[in-house]
Amino acid sequence: MIDMPDKSLPVPKYQMKQNETTDVKRARLLYQSRKRGMLENGLILSTFASEYLNKMSENQLDLYDNLINQVSNDWDIYYYATNIKEIPAEYNNEIMDMLKKHVKNERKEERFKQPDLQFN
């Protein structure tokens, strides 16, 4: 397991975007899901976003936004989604449940690359 070596360094709290339309929020979250900085989360979150973002309510979009932008160490998201680390209460919600189920890949889908972008 990879941990940040110095937990005493302050990490600024993520500020949710204000006055953002739902379409703009979905587009931003799709981009952020695809550009993670580590292959594992890029694959997990891009396939998750491709499947679920357009079906999420405004509240679910906010929960997802908080998860992928507030957690300062991408490995933590990976460890939470794969049940390696205990999930903090603030992220233990319906979106995390959906993500954990997605990670289990019960339909045995091939997820070796990010899904193609869909242009409307």
PDB file of N, CA and C in Angstrom:
ATOM      1  N   MET A   1       0.845  -1.165   0.000  1.00  0.00           N
ATOM      2  CA  MET A   1       0.000   0.000   0.000  1.00  0.00           C
ATOM      3  C   MET A   1       0.895   1.234   0.000  1.00  0.00           C
ATOM      4  N   ILE A   2       0.550   2.212  -0.813  1.00  0.00           N
ATOM      5  CA  ILE A   2       1.315   3.446  -0.912  1.00  0.00           C
ATOM      6  C   ILE A   2       0.625   4.501  -0.069  1.00  0.00           C
ATOM      7  N   ASP A   3       1.377   5.114   0.846  1.00  0.00           N
ATOM      8  CA  ASP A   3       0.851   6.184   1.684  1.00  0.00           C
ATOM      9  C   ASP A   3       1.697   7.429   1.496  1.00  0.00           C
ATOM     10  N   MET A   4       1.077   8.574   1.712  1.00  0.00           N
ATOM     11  CA  MET A   4       1.837   9.819   1.689  1.00  0.00           C
ATOM     12  C   MET A   4       2.771   9.793   2.894  1.00  0.00           C
ATOM     13  N   PRO A   5       4.059  10.117   2.714  1.00  0.00           N
ATOM     14  CA  PRO A   5       5.017  10.013   3.808  1.00  0.00           C
ATOM     15  C   PRO A   5       4.789  11.011   4.935  1.00  0.00           C
ATOM     16  N   ASP A   6       4.367  12.226   4.631  1.00  0.00           N
ATOM     17  CA  ASP A   6       4.217  13.250   5.659  1.00  0.00           C
ATOM     18  C   ASP A   6       2.771  13.714   5.714  1.00  0.00           C
ATOM     19  N   LYS A   7       2.035  13.207   6.680  1.00  0.00           N
ATOM     20  CA  LYS A   7       0.614  13.542   6.804  1.00  0.00           C
ATOM     21  C   LYS A   7       0.400  14.922   7.434  1.00  0.00           C
ATOM     22  N   SER A   8       1.472  15.571   7.899  1.00  0.00           N
ATOM     23  CA  SER A   8       1.326  16.857   8.562  1.00  0.00           C
ATOM     24  C   SER A   8       1.217  18.018   7.573  1.00  0.00           C
ATOM     25  N   LEU A   9       1.522  17.779   6.304  1.00  0.00           N
ATOM     26  CA  LEU A   9       1.423  18.851   5.324  1.00  0.00           C
ATOM     27  C   LEU A   9      -0.043  19.201   5.092  1.00  0.00           C
ATOM     28  N   PRO A  10      -0.382  20.483   5.187  1.00  0.00           N
ATOM     29  CA  PRO A  10      -1.788  20.859   4.996  1.00  0.00           C
ATOM     30  C   PRO A  10      -2.197  20.750   3.529  1.00  0.00           C
ATOM     31  N   VAL A  11      -3.376  20.234   3.318  1.00  0.00           N
ATOM     32  CA  VAL A  11      -3.941  20.135   1.975  1.00  0.00           C
ATOM     33  C   VAL A  11      -5.180  21.019   1.960  1.00  0.00           C
ATOM     34  N   PRO A  12      -5.234  21.980   1.032  1.00  0.00           N
ATOM     35  CA  PRO A  12      -6.405  22.864   1.004  1.00  0.00           C
ATOM     36  C   PRO A  12      -7.689  22.079   0.756  1.00  0.00           C
ATOM     37  N   LYS A  13      -8.758  22.486   1.407  1.00  0.00           N
ATOM     38  CA  LYS A  13     -10.051  21.832   1.223  1.00  0.00           C
ATOM     39  C   LYS A  13     -10.599  22.203  -0.148  1.00  0.00           C
ATOM     40  N   TYR A  14     -11.137  21.217  -0.831  1.00  0.00           N
ATOM     41  CA  TYR A  14     -11.708  21.430  -2.161  1.00  0.00           C
ATOM     42  C   TYR A  14     -12.939  22.313  -2.059  1.00  0.00           C
ATOM     43  N   GLN A  15     -13.004  23.305  -2.910  1.00  0.00           N
ATOM     44  CA  GLN A  15     -14.160  24.197  -2.966  1.00  0.00           C
ATOM     45  C   GLN A  15     -15.036  23.789  -4.151  1.00  0.00           C
ATOM     46  N   MET A  16     -16.256  23.390  -3.855  1.00  0.00           N
ATOM     47  CA  MET A  16     -17.186  23.004  -4.917  1.00  0.00           C
ATOM     48  C   MET A  16     -17.413  24.204  -5.845  1.00  0.00           C
ATOM     49  N   LYS A  17     -17.551  23.924  -7.128  1.00  0.00           N
ATOM     50  CA  LYS A  17     -17.810  24.975  -8.116  1.00  0.00           C
ATOM     51  C   LYS A  17     -19.213  25.532  -7.889  1.00  0.00           C
ATOM     52  N   GLN A  18     -19.337  26.844  -7.953  1.00  0.00           N
ATOM     53  CA  GLN A  18     -20.622  27.509  -7.761  1.00  0.00           C
ATOM     54  C   GLN A  18     -21.196  27.915  -9.118  1.00  0.00           C
ATOM     55  N   ASN A  19     -22.506  27.925  -9.222  1.00  0.00           N
ATOM     56  CA  ASN A  19     -23.211  28.381 -10.422  1.00  0.00           C
ATOM     57  C   ASN A  19     -22.782  27.635 -11.683  1.00  0.00           C
ATOM     58  N   GLU A  20     -22.543  26.368 -11.552  1.00  0.00           N
ATOM     59  CA  GLU A  20     -22.141  25.538 -12.682  1.00  0.00           C
ATOM     60  C   GLU A  20     -23.377  24.783 -13.171  1.00  0.00           C
ATOM     61  N   THR A  21     -23.648  24.840 -14.456  1.00  0.00           N
ATOM     62  CA  THR A  21     -24.798  24.098 -14.973  1.00  0.00           C
ATOM     63  C   THR A  21     -24.518  22.597 -14.863  1.00  0.00           C
ATOM     64  N   THR A  22     -25.569  21.823 -14.876  1.00  0.00           N
ATOM     65  CA  THR A  22     -25.419  20.365 -14.776  1.00  0.00           C
ATOM     66  C   THR A  22     -24.615  19.818 -15.948  1.00  0.00           C
ATOM     67  N   ASP A  23     -24.852  20.334 -17.148  1.00  0.00           N
ATOM     68  CA  ASP A  23     -24.097  19.856 -18.316  1.00  0.00           C
ATOM     69  C   ASP A  23     -22.611  20.173 -18.190  1.00  0.00           C
ATOM     70  N   VAL A  24     -22.295  21.362 -17.725  1.00  0.00           N
ATOM     71  CA  VAL A  24     -20.888  21.747 -17.540  1.00  0.00           C
ATOM     72  C   VAL A  24     -20.260  20.889 -16.447  1.00  0.00           C
ATOM     73  N   LYS A  25     -21.003  20.655 -15.375  1.00  0.00           N
ATOM     74  CA  LYS A  25     -20.482  19.814 -14.287  1.00  0.00           C
ATOM     75  C   LYS A  25     -20.195  18.400 -14.789  1.00  0.00           C
ATOM     76  N   ARG A  26     -21.113  17.829 -15.536  1.00  0.00           N
ATOM     77  CA  ARG A  26     -20.893  16.479 -16.080  1.00  0.00           C
ATOM     78  C   ARG A  26     -19.662  16.446 -16.989  1.00  0.00           C
ATOM     79  N   ALA A  27     -19.518  17.453 -17.830  1.00  0.00           N
ATOM     80  CA  ALA A  27     -18.361  17.507 -18.738  1.00  0.00           C
ATOM     81  C   ALA A  27     -17.059  17.617 -17.937  1.00  0.00           C
ATOM     82  N   ARG A  28     -17.047  18.458 -16.908  1.00  0.00           N
ATOM     83  CA  ARG A  28     -15.850  18.612 -16.067  1.00  0.00           C
ATOM     84  C   ARG A  28     -15.528  17.311 -15.348  1.00  0.00           C
ATOM     85  N   LEU A  29     -16.534  16.675 -14.774  1.00  0.00           N
ATOM     86  CA  LEU A  29     -16.300  15.427 -14.047  1.00  0.00           C
ATOM     87  C   LEU A  29     -15.840  14.310 -14.980  1.00  0.00           C
ATOM     88  N   LEU A  30     -16.352  14.288 -16.196  1.00  0.00           N
ATOM     89  CA  LEU A  30     -15.881  13.299 -17.166  1.00  0.00           C
ATOM     90  C   LEU A  30     -14.399  13.531 -17.462  1.00  0.00           C
ATOM     91  N   TYR A  31     -14.028  14.774 -17.709  1.00  0.00           N
ATOM     92  CA  TYR A  31     -12.619  15.097 -17.964  1.00  0.00           C
ATOM     93  C   TYR A  31     -11.758  14.696 -16.767  1.00  0.00           C
ATOM     94  N   GLN A  32     -12.187  15.084 -15.567  1.00  0.00           N
ATOM     95  CA  GLN A  32     -11.405  14.787 -14.364  1.00  0.00           C
ATOM     96  C   GLN A  32     -11.341  13.291 -14.084  1.00  0.00           C
ATOM     97  N   SER A  33     -12.345  12.550 -14.496  1.00  0.00           N
ATOM     98  CA  SER A  33     -12.332  11.096 -14.315  1.00  0.00           C
ATOM     99  C   SER A  33     -11.322  10.437 -15.245  1.00  0.00           C
ATOM    100  N   ARG A  34     -11.084  11.047 -16.382  1.00  0.00           N
ATOM    101  CA  ARG A  34     -10.173  10.480 -17.381  1.00  0.00           C
ATOM    102  C   ARG A  34      -8.723  10.892 -17.143  1.00  0.00           C
ATOM    103  N   LYS A  35      -8.483  11.992 -16.487  1.00  0.00           N
ATOM    104  CA  LYS A  35      -7.132  12.542 -16.309  1.00  0.00           C
ATOM    105  C   LYS A  35      -6.724  12.450 -14.841  1.00  0.00           C
ATOM    106  N   ARG A  36      -6.357  11.257 -14.398  1.00  0.00           N
ATOM    107  CA  ARG A  36      -6.113  11.032 -12.981  1.00  0.00           C
ATOM    108  C   ARG A  36      -4.649  11.053 -12.576  1.00  0.00           C
ATOM    109  N   GLY A  37      -3.745  10.774 -13.469  1.00  0.00           N
ATOM    110  CA  GLY A  37      -2.339  10.730 -13.081  1.00  0.00           C
ATOM    111  C   GLY A  37      -1.858   9.343 -12.700  1.00  0.00           C
ATOM    112  N   MET A  38      -2.761   8.392 -12.604  1.00  0.00           N
ATOM    113  CA  MET A  38      -2.380   6.994 -12.394  1.00  0.00           C
ATOM    114  C   MET A  38      -3.315   6.126 -13.228  1.00  0.00           C
ATOM    115  N   LEU A  39      -2.735   5.172 -13.899  1.00  0.00           N
ATOM    116  CA  LEU A  39      -3.473   4.353 -14.860  1.00  0.00           C
ATOM    117  C   LEU A  39      -4.680   3.664 -14.234  1.00  0.00           C
ATOM    118  N   GLU A  40      -4.502   3.081 -13.055  1.00  0.00           N
ATOM    119  CA  GLU A  40      -5.581   2.319 -12.420  1.00  0.00           C
ATOM    120  C   GLU A  40      -6.833   3.178 -12.244  1.00  0.00           C
ATOM    121  N   ASN A  41      -6.677   4.362 -11.669  1.00  0.00           N
ATOM    122  CA  ASN A  41      -7.846   5.214 -11.459  1.00  0.00           C
ATOM    123  C   ASN A  41      -8.356   5.801 -12.765  1.00  0.00           C
ATOM    124  N   GLY A  42      -7.471   6.052 -13.711  1.00  0.00           N
ATOM    125  CA  GLY A  42      -7.928   6.516 -15.014  1.00  0.00           C
ATOM    126  C   GLY A  42      -8.879   5.518 -15.648  1.00  0.00           C
ATOM    127  N   LEU A  43      -8.532   4.236 -15.562  1.00  0.00           N
ATOM    128  CA  LEU A  43      -9.398   3.190 -16.121  1.00  0.00           C
ATOM    129  C   LEU A  43     -10.676   3.016 -15.303  1.00  0.00           C
ATOM    130  N   ILE A  44     -10.524   2.936 -13.992  1.00  0.00           N
ATOM    131  CA  ILE A  44     -11.701   2.731 -13.132  1.00  0.00           C
ATOM    132  C   ILE A  44     -12.675   3.898 -13.253  1.00  0.00           C
ATOM    133  N   LEU A  45     -12.174   5.117 -13.066  1.00  0.00           N
ATOM    134  CA  LEU A  45     -13.072   6.269 -13.024  1.00  0.00           C
ATOM    135  C   LEU A  45     -13.607   6.650 -14.403  1.00  0.00           C
ATOM    136  N   SER A  46     -12.817   6.461 -15.455  1.00  0.00           N
ATOM    137  CA  SER A  46     -13.329   6.801 -16.790  1.00  0.00           C
ATOM    138  C   SER A  46     -14.440   5.842 -17.212  1.00  0.00           C
ATOM    139  N   THR A  47     -14.286   4.561 -16.905  1.00  0.00           N
ATOM    140  CA  THR A  47     -15.350   3.615 -17.259  1.00  0.00           C
ATOM    141  C   THR A  47     -16.577   3.824 -16.373  1.00  0.00           C
ATOM    142  N   PHE A  48     -16.352   4.152 -15.104  1.00  0.00           N
ATOM    143  CA  PHE A  48     -17.453   4.461 -14.188  1.00  0.00           C
ATOM    144  C   PHE A  48     -18.213   5.697 -14.682  1.00  0.00           C
ATOM    145  N   ALA A  49     -17.480   6.757 -14.997  1.00  0.00           N
ATOM    146  CA  ALA A  49     -18.112   7.996 -15.457  1.00  0.00           C
ATOM    147  C   ALA A  49     -18.868   7.774 -16.759  1.00  0.00           C
ATOM    148  N   SER A  50     -18.288   7.012 -17.654  1.00  0.00           N
ATOM    149  CA  SER A  50     -18.938   6.732 -18.934  1.00  0.00           C
ATOM    150  C   SER A  50     -20.274   6.022 -18.730  1.00  0.00           C
ATOM    151  N   GLU A  51     -20.317   5.136 -17.756  1.00  0.00           N
ATOM    152  CA  GLU A  51     -21.540   4.374 -17.509  1.00  0.00           C
ATOM    153  C   GLU A  51     -22.572   5.138 -16.684  1.00  0.00           C
ATOM    154  N   TYR A  52     -22.133   5.939 -15.710  1.00  0.00           N
ATOM    155  CA  TYR A  52     -23.074   6.485 -14.728  1.00  0.00           C
ATOM    156  C   TYR A  52     -23.288   7.996 -14.739  1.00  0.00           C
ATOM    157  N   LEU A  53     -22.344   8.792 -15.222  1.00  0.00           N
ATOM    158  CA  LEU A  53     -22.460  10.250 -15.077  1.00  0.00           C
ATOM    159  C   LEU A  53     -23.771  10.805 -15.611  1.00  0.00           C
ATOM    160  N   ASN A  54     -24.183  10.378 -16.781  1.00  0.00           N
ATOM    161  CA  ASN A  54     -25.400  10.934 -17.377  1.00  0.00           C
ATOM    162  C   ASN A  54     -26.675  10.496 -16.668  1.00  0.00           C
ATOM    163  N   LYS A  55     -26.572   9.513 -15.782  1.00  0.00           N
ATOM    164  CA  LYS A  55     -27.738   9.032 -15.030  1.00  0.00           C
ATOM    165  C   LYS A  55     -27.793   9.621 -13.621  1.00  0.00           C
ATOM    166  N   MET A  56     -26.729  10.310 -13.200  1.00  0.00           N
ATOM    167  CA  MET A  56     -26.648  10.798 -11.818  1.00  0.00           C
ATOM    168  C   MET A  56     -27.513  12.027 -11.602  1.00  0.00           C
ATOM    169  N   SER A  57     -28.113  12.078 -10.404  1.00  0.00           N
ATOM    170  CA  SER A  57     -28.853  13.264  -9.978  1.00  0.00           C
ATOM    171  C   SER A  57     -27.848  14.359  -9.608  1.00  0.00           C
ATOM    172  N   GLU A  58     -28.347  15.552  -9.389  1.00  0.00           N
ATOM    173  CA  GLU A  58     -27.477  16.666  -8.982  1.00  0.00           C
ATOM    174  C   GLU A  58     -26.751  16.340  -7.677  1.00  0.00           C
ATOM    175  N   ASN A  59     -27.445  15.744  -6.723  1.00  0.00           N
ATOM    176  CA  ASN A  59     -26.821  15.362  -5.455  1.00  0.00           C
ATOM    177  C   ASN A  59     -25.739  14.306  -5.668  1.00  0.00           C
ATOM    178  N   GLN A  60     -26.010  13.324  -6.508  1.00  0.00           N
ATOM    179  CA  GLN A  60     -25.006  12.292  -6.789  1.00  0.00           C
ATOM    180  C   GLN A  60     -23.789  12.887  -7.494  1.00  0.00           C
ATOM    181  N   LEU A  61     -24.015  13.839  -8.400  1.00  0.00           N
ATOM    182  CA  LEU A  61     -22.892  14.512  -9.052  1.00  0.00           C
ATOM    183  C   LEU A  61     -22.025  15.233  -8.022  1.00  0.00           C
ATOM    184  N   ASP A  62     -22.666  15.877  -7.039  1.00  0.00           N
ATOM    185  CA  ASP A  62     -21.909  16.560  -5.980  1.00  0.00           C
ATOM    186  C   ASP A  62     -21.102  15.566  -5.146  1.00  0.00           C
ATOM    187  N   LEU A  63     -21.687  14.421  -4.827  1.00  0.00           N
ATOM    188  CA  LEU A  63     -20.965  13.399  -4.061  1.00  0.00           C
ATOM    189  C   LEU A  63     -19.765  12.879  -4.848  1.00  0.00           C
ATOM    190  N   TYR A  64     -19.948  12.654  -6.137  1.00  0.00           N
ATOM    191  CA  TYR A  64     -18.855  12.177  -6.988  1.00  0.00           C
ATOM    192  C   TYR A  64     -17.773  13.249  -7.120  1.00  0.00           C
ATOM    193  N   ASP A  65     -18.192  14.489  -7.311  1.00  0.00           N
ATOM    194  CA  ASP A  65     -17.263  15.621  -7.390  1.00  0.00           C
ATOM    195  C   ASP A  65     -16.407  15.679  -6.127  1.00  0.00           C
ATOM    196  N   ASN A  66     -17.036  15.578  -4.983  1.00  0.00           N
ATOM    197  CA  ASN A  66     -16.313  15.614  -3.713  1.00  0.00           C
ATOM    198  C   ASN A  66     -15.332  14.448  -3.606  1.00  0.00           C
ATOM    199  N   LEU A  67     -15.748  13.267  -4.009  1.00  0.00           N
ATOM    200  CA  LEU A  67     -14.874  12.096  -3.922  1.00  0.00           C
ATOM    201  C   LEU A  67     -13.626  12.263  -4.781  1.00  0.00           C
ATOM    202  N   ILE A  68     -13.796  12.614  -6.046  1.00  0.00           N
ATOM    203  CA  ILE A  68     -12.626  12.625  -6.929  1.00  0.00           C
ATOM    204  C   ILE A  68     -11.784  13.888  -6.787  1.00  0.00           C
ATOM    205  N   ASN A  69     -12.313  14.921  -6.123  1.00  0.00           N
ATOM    206  CA  ASN A  69     -11.549  16.161  -5.994  1.00  0.00           C
ATOM    207  C   ASN A  69     -11.096  16.481  -4.575  1.00  0.00           C
ATOM    208  N   GLN A  70     -11.766  15.962  -3.562  1.00  0.00           N
ATOM    209  CA  GLN A  70     -11.361  16.243  -2.185  1.00  0.00           C
ATOM    210  C   GLN A  70     -10.257  15.302  -1.712  1.00  0.00           C
ATOM    211  N   VAL A  71     -10.324  14.048  -2.078  1.00  0.00           N
ATOM    212  CA  VAL A  71      -9.289  13.095  -1.672  1.00  0.00           C
ATOM    213  C   VAL A  71      -7.987  13.535  -2.329  1.00  0.00           C
ATOM    214  N   SER A  72      -6.963  13.809  -1.514  1.00  0.00           N
ATOM    215  CA  SER A  72      -5.726  14.395  -2.047  1.00  0.00           C
ATOM    216  C   SER A  72      -4.767  13.354  -2.610  1.00  0.00           C
ATOM    217  N   ASN A  73      -4.952  12.092  -2.285  1.00  0.00           N
ATOM    218  CA  ASN A  73      -4.061  11.038  -2.755  1.00  0.00           C
ATOM    219  C   ASN A  73      -4.892  10.066  -3.591  1.00  0.00           C
ATOM    220  N   ASP A  74      -4.604  10.013  -4.884  1.00  0.00           N
ATOM    221  CA  ASP A  74      -5.385   9.148  -5.773  1.00  0.00           C
ATOM    222  C   ASP A  74      -5.344   7.684  -5.352  1.00  0.00           C
ATOM    223  N   TRP A  75      -4.255   7.274  -4.715  1.00  0.00           N
ATOM    224  CA  TRP A  75      -4.196   5.890  -4.243  1.00  0.00           C
ATOM    225  C   TRP A  75      -5.285   5.622  -3.216  1.00  0.00           C
ATOM    226  N   ASP A  76      -5.655   6.625  -2.418  1.00  0.00           N
ATOM    227  CA  ASP A  76      -6.728   6.428  -1.436  1.00  0.00           C
ATOM    228  C   ASP A  76      -8.043   6.087  -2.132  1.00  0.00           C
ATOM    229  N   ILE A  77      -8.368   6.785  -3.218  1.00  0.00           N
ATOM    230  CA  ILE A  77      -9.594   6.465  -3.961  1.00  0.00           C
ATOM    231  C   ILE A  77      -9.550   5.010  -4.412  1.00  0.00           C
ATOM    232  N   TYR A  78      -8.409   4.606  -4.934  1.00  0.00           N
ATOM    233  CA  TYR A  78      -8.244   3.223  -5.389  1.00  0.00           C
ATOM    234  C   TYR A  78      -8.437   2.246  -4.229  1.00  0.00           C
ATOM    235  N   TYR A  79      -7.806   2.523  -3.104  1.00  0.00           N
ATOM    236  CA  TYR A  79      -7.906   1.626  -1.942  1.00  0.00           C
ATOM    237  C   TYR A  79      -9.323   1.588  -1.373  1.00  0.00           C
ATOM    238  N   TYR A  80     -10.038   2.710  -1.376  1.00  0.00           N
ATOM    239  CA  TYR A  80     -11.430   2.712  -0.912  1.00  0.00           C
ATOM    240  C   TYR A  80     -12.303   1.875  -1.850  1.00  0.00           C
ATOM    241  N   ALA A  81     -12.137   2.091  -3.150  1.00  0.00           N
ATOM    242  CA  ALA A  81     -12.984   1.403  -4.136  1.00  0.00           C
ATOM    243  C   ALA A  81     -12.736  -0.098  -4.163  1.00  0.00           C
ATOM    244  N   THR A  82     -11.529  -0.513  -3.797  1.00  0.00           N
ATOM    245  CA  THR A  82     -11.182  -1.939  -3.821  1.00  0.00           C
ATOM    246  C   THR A  82     -11.227  -2.571  -2.431  1.00  0.00           C
ATOM    247  N   ASN A  83     -11.750  -1.837  -1.453  1.00  0.00           N
ATOM    248  CA  ASN A  83     -11.901  -2.324  -0.074  1.00  0.00           C
ATOM    249  C   ASN A  83     -10.583  -2.683   0.606  1.00  0.00           C
ATOM    250  N   ILE A  84      -9.510  -2.015   0.234  1.00  0.00           N
ATOM    251  CA  ILE A  84      -8.229  -2.240   0.899  1.00  0.00           C
ATOM    252  C   ILE A  84      -8.117  -1.354   2.134  1.00  0.00           C
ATOM    253  N   LYS A  85      -8.628  -0.132   2.035  1.00  0.00           N
ATOM    254  CA  LYS A  85      -8.635   0.795   3.167  1.00  0.00           C
ATOM    255  C   LYS A  85     -10.071   1.058   3.596  1.00  0.00           C
ATOM    256  N   GLU A  86     -10.230   1.325   4.880  1.00  0.00           N
ATOM    257  CA  GLU A  86     -11.550   1.695   5.388  1.00  0.00           C
ATOM    258  C   GLU A  86     -11.958   3.036   4.792  1.00  0.00           C
ATOM    259  N   ILE A  87     -13.200   3.129   4.396  1.00  0.00           N
ATOM    260  CA  ILE A  87     -13.705   4.340   3.747  1.00  0.00           C
ATOM    261  C   ILE A  87     -14.125   5.342   4.817  1.00  0.00           C
ATOM    262  N   PRO A  88     -13.590   6.572   4.771  1.00  0.00           N
ATOM    263  CA  PRO A  88     -14.033   7.599   5.718  1.00  0.00           C
ATOM    264  C   PRO A  88     -15.525   7.890   5.531  1.00  0.00           C
ATOM    265  N   ALA A  89     -16.178   8.268   6.604  1.00  0.00           N
ATOM    266  CA  ALA A  89     -17.628   8.488   6.585  1.00  0.00           C
ATOM    267  C   ALA A  89     -18.061   9.466   5.495  1.00  0.00           C
ATOM    268  N   GLU A  90     -17.272  10.509   5.246  1.00  0.00           N
ATOM    269  CA  GLU A  90     -17.681  11.518   4.263  1.00  0.00           C
ATOM    270  C   GLU A  90     -17.735  10.979   2.828  1.00  0.00           C
ATOM    271  N   TYR A  91     -17.064   9.850   2.569  1.00  0.00           N
ATOM    272  CA  TYR A  91     -17.078   9.258   1.230  1.00  0.00           C
ATOM    273  C   TYR A  91     -17.871   7.957   1.180  1.00  0.00           C
ATOM    274  N   ASN A  92     -18.340   7.499   2.320  1.00  0.00           N
ATOM    275  CA  ASN A  92     -19.080   6.241   2.383  1.00  0.00           C
ATOM    276  C   ASN A  92     -20.557   6.529   2.103  1.00  0.00           C
ATOM    277  N   ASN A  93     -20.896   6.548   0.823  1.00  0.00           N
ATOM    278  CA  ASN A  93     -22.236   6.947   0.404  1.00  0.00           C
ATOM    279  C   ASN A  93     -22.645   6.145  -0.837  1.00  0.00           C
ATOM    280  N   GLU A  94     -23.749   6.509  -1.438  1.00  0.00           N
ATOM    281  CA  GLU A  94     -24.264   5.747  -2.575  1.00  0.00           C
ATOM    282  C   GLU A  94     -23.305   5.754  -3.766  1.00  0.00           C
ATOM    283  N   ILE A  95     -22.568   6.826  -3.960  1.00  0.00           N
ATOM    284  CA  ILE A  95     -21.606   6.869  -5.071  1.00  0.00           C
ATOM    285  C   ILE A  95     -20.477   5.881  -4.815  1.00  0.00           C
ATOM    286  N   MET A  96     -19.989   5.815  -3.588  1.00  0.00           N
ATOM    287  CA  MET A  96     -18.933   4.844  -3.274  1.00  0.00           C
ATOM    288  C   MET A  96     -19.463   3.426  -3.446  1.00  0.00           C
ATOM    289  N   ASP A  97     -20.707   3.184  -3.051  1.00  0.00           N
ATOM    290  CA  ASP A  97     -21.307   1.856  -3.259  1.00  0.00           C
ATOM    291  C   ASP A  97     -21.358   1.510  -4.747  1.00  0.00           C
ATOM    292  N   MET A  98     -21.744   2.480  -5.565  1.00  0.00           N
ATOM    293  CA  MET A  98     -21.783   2.262  -7.016  1.00  0.00           C
ATOM    294  C   MET A  98     -20.380   2.004  -7.564  1.00  0.00           C
ATOM    295  N   LEU A  99     -19.403   2.770  -7.078  1.00  0.00           N
ATOM    296  CA  LEU A  99     -18.026   2.618  -7.545  1.00  0.00           C
ATOM    297  C   LEU A  99     -17.457   1.261  -7.144  1.00  0.00           C
ATOM    298  N   LYS A 100     -17.713   0.838  -5.911  1.00  0.00           N
ATOM    299  CA  LYS A 100     -17.217  -0.471  -5.462  1.00  0.00           C
ATOM    300  C   LYS A 100     -17.838  -1.600  -6.290  1.00  0.00           C
ATOM    301  N   LYS A 101     -19.115  -1.477  -6.597  1.00  0.00           N
ATOM    302  CA  LYS A 101     -19.764  -2.492  -7.440  1.00  0.00           C
ATOM    303  C   LYS A 101     -19.164  -2.467  -8.847  1.00  0.00           C
ATOM    304  N   HIS A 102     -18.904  -1.280  -9.352  1.00  0.00           N
ATOM    305  CA  HIS A 102     -18.289  -1.140 -10.679  1.00  0.00           C
ATOM    306  C   HIS A 102     -16.913  -1.805 -10.707  1.00  0.00           C
ATOM    307  N   VAL A 103     -16.144  -1.614  -9.651  1.00  0.00           N
ATOM    308  CA  VAL A 103     -14.794  -2.193  -9.571  1.00  0.00           C
ATOM    309  C   VAL A 103     -14.850  -3.719  -9.561  1.00  0.00           C
ATOM    310  N   LYS A 104     -15.887  -4.290  -8.955  1.00  0.00           N
ATOM    311  CA  LYS A 104     -16.020  -5.759  -8.930  1.00  0.00           C
ATOM    312  C   LYS A 104     -16.196  -6.331 -10.331  1.00  0.00           C
ATOM    313  N   ASN A 105     -16.736  -5.535 -11.239  1.00  0.00           N
ATOM    314  CA  ASN A 105     -16.877  -5.922 -12.648  1.00  0.00           C
ATOM    315  C   ASN A 105     -17.563  -7.284 -12.786  1.00  0.00           C
ATOM    316  N   GLU A 106     -18.733  -7.386 -12.197  1.00  0.00           N
ATOM    317  CA  GLU A 106     -19.462  -8.658 -12.200  1.00  0.00           C
ATOM    318  C   GLU A 106     -19.853  -9.118 -13.599  1.00  0.00           C
ATOM    319  N   ARG A 107     -19.948  -8.190 -14.555  1.00  0.00           N
ATOM    320  CA  ARG A 107     -20.279  -8.561 -15.938  1.00  0.00           C
ATOM    321  C   ARG A 107     -19.031  -8.950 -16.735  1.00  0.00           C
ATOM    322  N   LYS A 108     -17.880  -8.905 -16.087  1.00  0.00           N
ATOM    323  CA  LYS A 108     -16.600  -9.306 -16.708  1.00  0.00           C
ATOM    324  C   LYS A 108     -16.323  -8.541 -18.004  1.00  0.00           C
ATOM    325  N   GLU A 109     -16.559  -7.233 -17.962  1.00  0.00           N
ATOM    326  CA  GLU A 109     -16.287  -6.386 -19.121  1.00  0.00           C
ATOM    327  C   GLU A 109     -14.782  -6.172 -19.266  1.00  0.00           C
ATOM    328  N   GLU A 110     -14.330  -6.032 -20.490  1.00  0.00           N
ATOM    329  CA  GLU A 110     -12.927  -5.703 -20.730  1.00  0.00           C
ATOM    330  C   GLU A 110     -12.748  -4.209 -20.501  1.00  0.00           C
ATOM    331  N   ARG A 111     -11.843  -3.875 -19.615  1.00  0.00           N
ATOM    332  CA  ARG A 111     -11.586  -2.470 -19.288  1.00  0.00           C
ATOM    333  C   ARG A 111     -10.087  -2.201 -19.367  1.00  0.00           C
ATOM    334  N   PHE A 112      -9.549  -2.390 -20.550  1.00  0.00           N
ATOM    335  CA  PHE A 112      -8.116  -2.227 -20.752  1.00  0.00           C
ATOM    336  C   PHE A 112      -7.758  -0.844 -21.267  1.00  0.00           C
ATOM    337  N   LYS A 113      -8.781  -0.080 -21.650  1.00  0.00           N
ATOM    338  CA  LYS A 113      -8.538   1.276 -22.125  1.00  0.00           C
ATOM    339  C   LYS A 113      -9.743   2.129 -21.747  1.00  0.00           C
ATOM    340  N   GLN A 114      -9.529   3.424 -21.762  1.00  0.00           N
ATOM    341  CA  GLN A 114     -10.630   4.317 -21.459  1.00  0.00           C
ATOM    342  C   GLN A 114     -11.652   4.274 -22.592  1.00  0.00           C
ATOM    343  N   PRO A 115     -12.929   4.411 -22.250  1.00  0.00           N
ATOM    344  CA  PRO A 115     -13.953   4.389 -23.296  1.00  0.00           C
ATOM    345  C   PRO A 115     -13.795   5.585 -24.238  1.00  0.00           C
ATOM    346  N   ASP A 116     -14.206   5.405 -25.469  1.00  0.00           N
ATOM    347  CA  ASP A 116     -14.186   6.511 -26.419  1.00  0.00           C
ATOM    348  C   ASP A 116     -15.132   7.601 -25.937  1.00  0.00           C
ATOM    349  N   LEU A 117     -14.780   8.842 -26.216  1.00  0.00           N
ATOM    350  CA  LEU A 117     -15.648   9.961 -25.874  1.00  0.00           C
ATOM    351  C   LEU A 117     -16.838   9.981 -26.823  1.00  0.00           C
ATOM    352  N   GLN A 118     -17.995  10.328 -26.288  1.00  0.00           N
ATOM    353  CA  GLN A 118     -19.214  10.434 -27.090  1.00  0.00           C
ATOM    354  C   GLN A 118     -19.510  11.912 -27.294  1.00  0.00           C
ATOM    355  N   PHE A 119     -19.643  12.326 -28.531  1.00  0.00           N
ATOM    356  CA  PHE A 119     -19.939  13.725 -28.838  1.00  0.00           C
ATOM    357  C   PHE A 119     -21.380  13.836 -29.293  1.00  0.00           C
ATOM    358  N   ASN A 120     -22.097  14.761 -28.687  1.00  0.00           N
ATOM    359  CA  ASN A 120     -23.514  14.955 -29.030  1.00  0.00           C
ATOM    360  C   ASN A 120     -23.662  15.991 -30.108  1.00  0.00           C
TER     361      ASN A 120
END
